[in-house]
Amino acid sequence: VYKKGIPIARSVNLAQLRGYDDLIHKLDQLFEFGGQLISSQKNWFIAYTDYEEDIILVGDDPWE
């Protein structure tokens, strides 16, 4: 996982998470956002690149 503007990546074991809410909490901890990622007042988004190099917003696809 990469945070834009930060040169250091973090690893996340998705098998240990139960869904997008767990993922967002984990990312908040790993990148030391201090609760900003889990706040109800959001001015951010989390996205990923799939195997076809498409950018997908977290939550757009079902968690499997």
PDB file of N, CA and C in Angstrom:
ATOM      1  N   VAL A   1       0.862  -1.170   0.000  1.00  0.00           N
ATOM      2  CA  VAL A   1       0.000   0.000   0.000  1.00  0.00           C
ATOM      3  C   VAL A   1       0.902   1.225   0.000  1.00  0.00           C
ATOM      4  N   TYR A   2       0.561   2.179  -0.852  1.00  0.00           N
ATOM      5  CA  TYR A   2       1.309   3.427  -0.938  1.00  0.00           C
ATOM      6  C   TYR A   2       0.397   4.594  -0.606  1.00  0.00           C
ATOM      7  N   LYS A   3       0.921   5.548   0.119  1.00  0.00           N
ATOM      8  CA  LYS A   3       0.218   6.796   0.371  1.00  0.00           C
ATOM      9  C   LYS A   3       0.840   7.840  -0.543  1.00  0.00           C
ATOM     10  N   LYS A   4       0.018   8.511  -1.303  1.00  0.00           N
ATOM     11  CA  LYS A   4       0.526   9.513  -2.236  1.00  0.00           C
ATOM     12  C   LYS A   4       1.374  10.537  -1.489  1.00  0.00           C
ATOM     13  N   GLY A   5       2.566  10.760  -1.999  1.00  0.00           N
ATOM     14  CA  GLY A   5       3.468  11.724  -1.386  1.00  0.00           C
ATOM     15  C   GLY A   5       4.404  11.131  -0.345  1.00  0.00           C
ATOM     16  N   ILE A   6       4.227   9.856  -0.015  1.00  0.00           N
ATOM     17  CA  ILE A   6       5.081   9.189   0.967  1.00  0.00           C
ATOM     18  C   ILE A   6       5.879   8.091   0.246  1.00  0.00           C
ATOM     19  N   PRO A   7       7.203   8.113   0.324  1.00  0.00           N
ATOM     20  CA  PRO A   7       7.997   7.152  -0.434  1.00  0.00           C
ATOM     21  C   PRO A   7       8.039   5.744   0.169  1.00  0.00           C
ATOM     22  N   ILE A   8       7.467   5.543   1.339  1.00  0.00           N
ATOM     23  CA  ILE A   8       7.529   4.246   2.007  1.00  0.00           C
ATOM     24  C   ILE A   8       6.196   3.524   1.854  1.00  0.00           C
ATOM     25  N   ALA A   9       6.254   2.244   1.474  1.00  0.00           N
ATOM     26  CA  ALA A   9       5.048   1.428   1.320  1.00  0.00           C
ATOM     27  C   ALA A   9       4.827   0.584   2.569  1.00  0.00           C
ATOM     28  N   ARG A  10       3.607   0.150   2.761  1.00  0.00           N
ATOM     29  CA  ARG A  10       3.243  -0.735   3.871  1.00  0.00           C
ATOM     30  C   ARG A  10       2.560  -1.970   3.284  1.00  0.00           C
ATOM     31  N   SER A  11       2.660  -3.097   3.964  1.00  0.00           N
ATOM     32  CA  SER A  11       1.988  -4.326   3.538  1.00  0.00           C
ATOM     33  C   SER A  11       0.771  -4.571   4.409  1.00  0.00           C
ATOM     34  N   VAL A  12      -0.278  -5.093   3.787  1.00  0.00           N
ATOM     35  CA  VAL A  12      -1.512  -5.421   4.495  1.00  0.00           C
ATOM     36  C   VAL A  12      -1.931  -6.826   4.081  1.00  0.00           C
ATOM     37  N   ASN A  13      -2.173  -7.700   5.049  1.00  0.00           N
ATOM     38  CA  ASN A  13      -2.666  -9.041   4.778  1.00  0.00           C
ATOM     39  C   ASN A  13      -4.191  -8.979   4.728  1.00  0.00           C
ATOM     40  N   LEU A  14      -4.753  -8.971   3.526  1.00  0.00           N
ATOM     41  CA  LEU A  14      -6.200  -8.838   3.361  1.00  0.00           C
ATOM     42  C   LEU A  14      -6.963 -10.029   3.923  1.00  0.00           C
ATOM     43  N   ALA A  15      -6.325 -11.180   4.033  1.00  0.00           N
ATOM     44  CA  ALA A  15      -6.984 -12.371   4.582  1.00  0.00           C
ATOM     45  C   ALA A  15      -7.333 -12.186   6.059  1.00  0.00           C
ATOM     46  N   GLN A  16      -6.671 -11.279   6.734  1.00  0.00           N
ATOM     47  CA  GLN A  16      -6.936 -11.038   8.153  1.00  0.00           C
ATOM     48  C   GLN A  16      -8.034 -10.005   8.377  1.00  0.00           C
ATOM     49  N   LEU A  17      -8.529  -9.400   7.307  1.00  0.00           N
ATOM     50  CA  LEU A  17      -9.542  -8.355   7.411  1.00  0.00           C
ATOM     51  C   LEU A  17     -10.907  -8.894   6.998  1.00  0.00           C
ATOM     52  N   ARG A  18     -11.973  -8.297   7.553  1.00  0.00           N
ATOM     53  CA  ARG A  18     -13.327  -8.769   7.274  1.00  0.00           C
ATOM     54  C   ARG A  18     -14.095  -7.894   6.294  1.00  0.00           C
ATOM     55  N   GLY A  19     -13.490  -6.824   5.832  1.00  0.00           N
ATOM     56  CA  GLY A  19     -14.188  -5.958   4.896  1.00  0.00           C
ATOM     57  C   GLY A  19     -13.499  -4.618   4.759  1.00  0.00           C
ATOM     58  N   TYR A  20     -14.153  -3.731   4.003  1.00  0.00           N
ATOM     59  CA  TYR A  20     -13.570  -2.423   3.738  1.00  0.00           C
ATOM     60  C   TYR A  20     -13.402  -1.587   5.011  1.00  0.00           C
ATOM     61  N   ASP A  21     -14.322  -1.700   5.952  1.00  0.00           N
ATOM     62  CA  ASP A  21     -14.173  -0.933   7.195  1.00  0.00           C
ATOM     63  C   ASP A  21     -12.908  -1.337   7.940  1.00  0.00           C
ATOM     64  N   ASP A  22     -12.641  -2.654   8.006  1.00  0.00           N
ATOM     65  CA  ASP A  22     -11.399  -3.117   8.638  1.00  0.00           C
ATOM     66  C   ASP A  22     -10.177  -2.591   7.896  1.00  0.00           C
ATOM     67  N   LEU A  23     -10.245  -2.605   6.576  1.00  0.00           N
ATOM     68  CA  LEU A  23      -9.123  -2.118   5.770  1.00  0.00           C
ATOM     69  C   LEU A  23      -8.853  -0.639   6.046  1.00  0.00           C
ATOM     70  N   ILE A  24      -9.899   0.151   6.085  1.00  0.00           N
ATOM     71  CA  ILE A  24      -9.731   1.585   6.327  1.00  0.00           C
ATOM     72  C   ILE A  24      -9.157   1.836   7.718  1.00  0.00           C
ATOM     73  N   HIS A  25      -9.614   1.090   8.724  1.00  0.00           N
ATOM     74  CA  HIS A  25      -9.047   1.225  10.076  1.00  0.00           C
ATOM     75  C   HIS A  25      -7.564   0.848  10.081  1.00  0.00           C
ATOM     76  N   LYS A  26      -7.237  -0.237   9.377  1.00  0.00           N
ATOM     77  CA  LYS A  26      -5.843  -0.684   9.325  1.00  0.00           C
ATOM     78  C   LYS A  26      -4.954   0.368   8.642  1.00  0.00           C
ATOM     79  N   LEU A  27      -5.430   0.939   7.540  1.00  0.00           N
ATOM     80  CA  LEU A  27      -4.654   1.970   6.846  1.00  0.00           C
ATOM     81  C   LEU A  27      -4.498   3.216   7.705  1.00  0.00           C
ATOM     82  N   ASP A  28      -5.534   3.551   8.467  1.00  0.00           N
ATOM     83  CA  ASP A  28      -5.454   4.695   9.372  1.00  0.00           C
ATOM     84  C   ASP A  28      -4.331   4.486  10.385  1.00  0.00           C
ATOM     85  N   GLN A  29      -4.202   3.258  10.890  1.00  0.00           N
ATOM     86  CA  GLN A  29      -3.144   2.939  11.851  1.00  0.00           C
ATOM     87  C   GLN A  29      -1.774   2.926  11.188  1.00  0.00           C
ATOM     88  N   LEU A  30      -1.657   2.226  10.057  1.00  0.00           N
ATOM     89  CA  LEU A  30      -0.356   2.065   9.398  1.00  0.00           C
ATOM     90  C   LEU A  30       0.271   3.397   8.988  1.00  0.00           C
ATOM     91  N   PHE A  31      -0.561   4.303   8.490  1.00  0.00           N
ATOM     92  CA  PHE A  31      -0.033   5.574   8.002  1.00  0.00           C
ATOM     93  C   PHE A  31      -0.225   6.711   9.006  1.00  0.00           C
ATOM     94  N   GLU A  32      -0.629   6.362  10.220  1.00  0.00           N
ATOM     95  CA  GLU A  32      -0.728   7.311  11.334  1.00  0.00           C
ATOM     96  C   GLU A  32      -1.552   8.548  10.977  1.00  0.00           C
ATOM     97  N   PHE A  33      -2.779   8.297  10.483  1.00  0.00           N
ATOM     98  CA  PHE A  33      -3.684   9.391  10.150  1.00  0.00           C
ATOM     99  C   PHE A  33      -4.379   9.976  11.378  1.00  0.00           C
ATOM    100  N   GLY A  34      -4.280   9.296  12.501  1.00  0.00           N
ATOM    101  CA  GLY A  34      -4.883   9.811  13.725  1.00  0.00           C
ATOM    102  C   GLY A  34      -6.410   9.875  13.672  1.00  0.00           C
ATOM    103  N   GLY A  35      -7.029   8.927  12.975  1.00  0.00           N
ATOM    104  CA  GLY A  35      -8.483   8.871  12.903  1.00  0.00           C
ATOM    105  C   GLY A  35      -9.087   9.605  11.720  1.00  0.00           C
ATOM    106  N   GLN A  36      -8.273  10.263  10.914  1.00  0.00           N
ATOM    107  CA  GLN A  36      -8.808  11.015   9.771  1.00  0.00           C
ATOM    108  C   GLN A  36      -9.478  10.112   8.741  1.00  0.00           C
ATOM    109  N   LEU A  37      -8.957   8.894   8.556  1.00  0.00           N
ATOM    110  CA  LEU A  37      -9.557   7.995   7.569  1.00  0.00           C
ATOM    111  C   LEU A  37     -10.898   7.433   8.025  1.00  0.00           C
ATOM    112  N   ILE A  38     -11.113   7.365   9.331  1.00  0.00           N
ATOM    113  CA  ILE A  38     -12.367   6.807   9.830  1.00  0.00           C
ATOM    114  C   ILE A  38     -13.355   7.887  10.256  1.00  0.00           C
ATOM    115  N   SER A  39     -12.983   9.137  10.079  1.00  0.00           N
ATOM    116  CA  SER A  39     -13.847  10.255  10.433  1.00  0.00           C
ATOM    117  C   SER A  39     -15.053  10.316   9.503  1.00  0.00           C
ATOM    118  N   SER A  40     -16.169  10.809  10.010  1.00  0.00           N
ATOM    119  CA  SER A  40     -17.361  10.963   9.178  1.00  0.00           C
ATOM    120  C   SER A  40     -17.228  12.146   8.219  1.00  0.00           C
ATOM    121  N   GLN A  41     -16.338  13.074   8.521  1.00  0.00           N
ATOM    122  CA  GLN A  41     -16.085  14.227   7.639  1.00  0.00           C
ATOM    123  C   GLN A  41     -14.846  13.917   6.802  1.00  0.00           C
ATOM    124  N   LYS A  42     -15.073  13.357   5.616  1.00  0.00           N
ATOM    125  CA  LYS A  42     -13.965  12.883   4.787  1.00  0.00           C
ATOM    126  C   LYS A  42     -13.698  13.828   3.631  1.00  0.00           C
ATOM    127  N   ASN A  43     -12.438  14.118   3.421  1.00  0.00           N
ATOM    128  CA  ASN A  43     -12.016  14.854   2.239  1.00  0.00           C
ATOM    129  C   ASN A  43     -10.899  14.071   1.551  1.00  0.00           C
ATOM    130  N   TRP A  44     -11.045  12.771   1.500  1.00  0.00           N
ATOM    131  CA  TRP A  44     -10.062  11.859   0.951  1.00  0.00           C
ATOM    132  C   TRP A  44     -10.780  10.713   0.255  1.00  0.00           C
ATOM    133  N   PHE A  45     -10.044   9.909  -0.469  1.00  0.00           N
ATOM    134  CA  PHE A  45     -10.574   8.673  -1.023  1.00  0.00           C
ATOM    135  C   PHE A  45      -9.452   7.649  -1.071  1.00  0.00           C
ATOM    136  N   ILE A  46      -9.842   6.385  -1.022  1.00  0.00           N
ATOM    137  CA  ILE A  46      -8.890   5.284  -1.119  1.00  0.00           C
ATOM    138  C   ILE A  46      -9.209   4.550  -2.412  1.00  0.00           C
ATOM    139  N   ALA A  47      -8.188   4.334  -3.215  1.00  0.00           N
ATOM    140  CA  ALA A  47      -8.364   3.657  -4.491  1.00  0.00           C
ATOM    141  C   ALA A  47      -7.275   2.603  -4.655  1.00  0.00           C
ATOM    142  N   TYR A  48      -7.527   1.675  -5.554  1.00  0.00           N
ATOM    143  CA  TYR A  48      -6.526   0.663  -5.874  1.00  0.00           C
ATOM    144  C   TYR A  48      -6.523   0.419  -7.379  1.00  0.00           C
ATOM    145  N   THR A  49      -5.465  -0.186  -7.849  1.00  0.00           N
ATOM    146  CA  THR A  49      -5.334  -0.542  -9.255  1.00  0.00           C
ATOM    147  C   THR A  49      -5.553  -2.041  -9.380  1.00  0.00           C
ATOM    148  N   ASP A  50      -6.489  -2.436 -10.253  1.00  0.00           N
ATOM    149  CA  ASP A  50      -6.761  -3.862 -10.412  1.00  0.00           C
ATOM    150  C   ASP A  50      -5.800  -4.482 -11.423  1.00  0.00           C
ATOM    151  N   TYR A  51      -6.009  -5.759 -11.718  1.00  0.00           N
ATOM    152  CA  TYR A  51      -5.100  -6.485 -12.599  1.00  0.00           C
ATOM    153  C   TYR A  51      -5.109  -5.960 -14.036  1.00  0.00           C
ATOM    154  N   GLU A  52      -6.143  -5.183 -14.414  1.00  0.00           N
ATOM    155  CA  GLU A  52      -6.199  -4.577 -15.746  1.00  0.00           C
ATOM    156  C   GLU A  52      -5.685  -3.132 -15.743  1.00  0.00           C
ATOM    157  N   GLU A  53      -5.099  -2.709 -14.608  1.00  0.00           N
ATOM    158  CA  GLU A  53      -4.572  -1.348 -14.425  1.00  0.00           C
ATOM    159  C   GLU A  53      -5.663  -0.281 -14.354  1.00  0.00           C
ATOM    160  N   ASP A  54      -6.912  -0.699 -14.062  1.00  0.00           N
ATOM    161  CA  ASP A  54      -7.999   0.249 -13.838  1.00  0.00           C
ATOM    162  C   ASP A  54      -7.953   0.729 -12.400  1.00  0.00           C
ATOM    163  N   ILE A  55      -8.253   1.990 -12.164  1.00  0.00           N
ATOM    164  CA  ILE A  55      -8.299   2.539 -10.813  1.00  0.00           C
ATOM    165  C   ILE A  55      -9.724   2.386 -10.287  1.00  0.00           C
ATOM    166  N   ILE A  56      -9.846   1.721  -9.139  1.00  0.00           N
ATOM    167  CA  ILE A  56     -11.135   1.415  -8.526  1.00  0.00           C
ATOM    168  C   ILE A  56     -11.178   2.071  -7.147  1.00  0.00           C
ATOM    169  N   LEU A  57     -12.278   2.730  -6.819  1.00  0.00           N
ATOM    170  CA  LEU A  57     -12.448   3.274  -5.473  1.00  0.00           C
ATOM    171  C   LEU A  57     -12.800   2.150  -4.511  1.00  0.00           C
ATOM    172  N   VAL A  58     -12.200   2.161  -3.350  1.00  0.00           N
ATOM    173  CA  VAL A  58     -12.506   1.156  -2.332  1.00  0.00           C
ATOM    174  C   VAL A  58     -13.987   1.253  -1.994  1.00  0.00           C
ATOM    175  N   GLY A  59     -14.652   0.103  -2.037  1.00  0.00           N
ATOM    176  CA  GLY A  59     -16.073   0.034  -1.753  1.00  0.00           C
ATOM    177  C   GLY A  59     -16.927  -0.105  -2.997  1.00  0.00           C
ATOM    178  N   ASP A  60     -16.353   0.192  -4.184  1.00  0.00           N
ATOM    179  CA  ASP A  60     -17.121   0.066  -5.423  1.00  0.00           C
ATOM    180  C   ASP A  60     -17.388  -1.389  -5.790  1.00  0.00           C
ATOM    181  N   ASP A  61     -16.485  -2.277  -5.461  1.00  0.00           N
ATOM    182  CA  ASP A  61     -16.660  -3.710  -5.696  1.00  0.00           C
ATOM    183  C   ASP A  61     -16.929  -4.401  -4.378  1.00  0.00           C
ATOM    184  N   PRO A  62     -17.716  -5.480  -4.400  1.00  0.00           N
ATOM    185  CA  PRO A  62     -17.976  -6.215  -3.154  1.00  0.00           C
ATOM    186  C   PRO A  62     -16.675  -6.800  -2.573  1.00  0.00           C
ATOM    187  N   TRP A  63     -16.604  -6.848  -1.250  1.00  0.00           N
ATOM    188  CA  TRP A  63     -15.451  -7.457  -0.568  1.00  0.00           C
ATOM    189  C   TRP A  63     -15.603  -8.960  -0.659  1.00  0.00           C
ATOM    190  N   GLU A  64     -14.575  -9.616  -1.108  1.00  0.00           N
ATOM    191  CA  GLU A  64     -14.600 -11.088  -1.177  1.00  0.00           C
ATOM    192  C   GLU A  64     -13.377 -11.654  -0.491  1.00  0.00           C
TER     193      GLU A  64
END
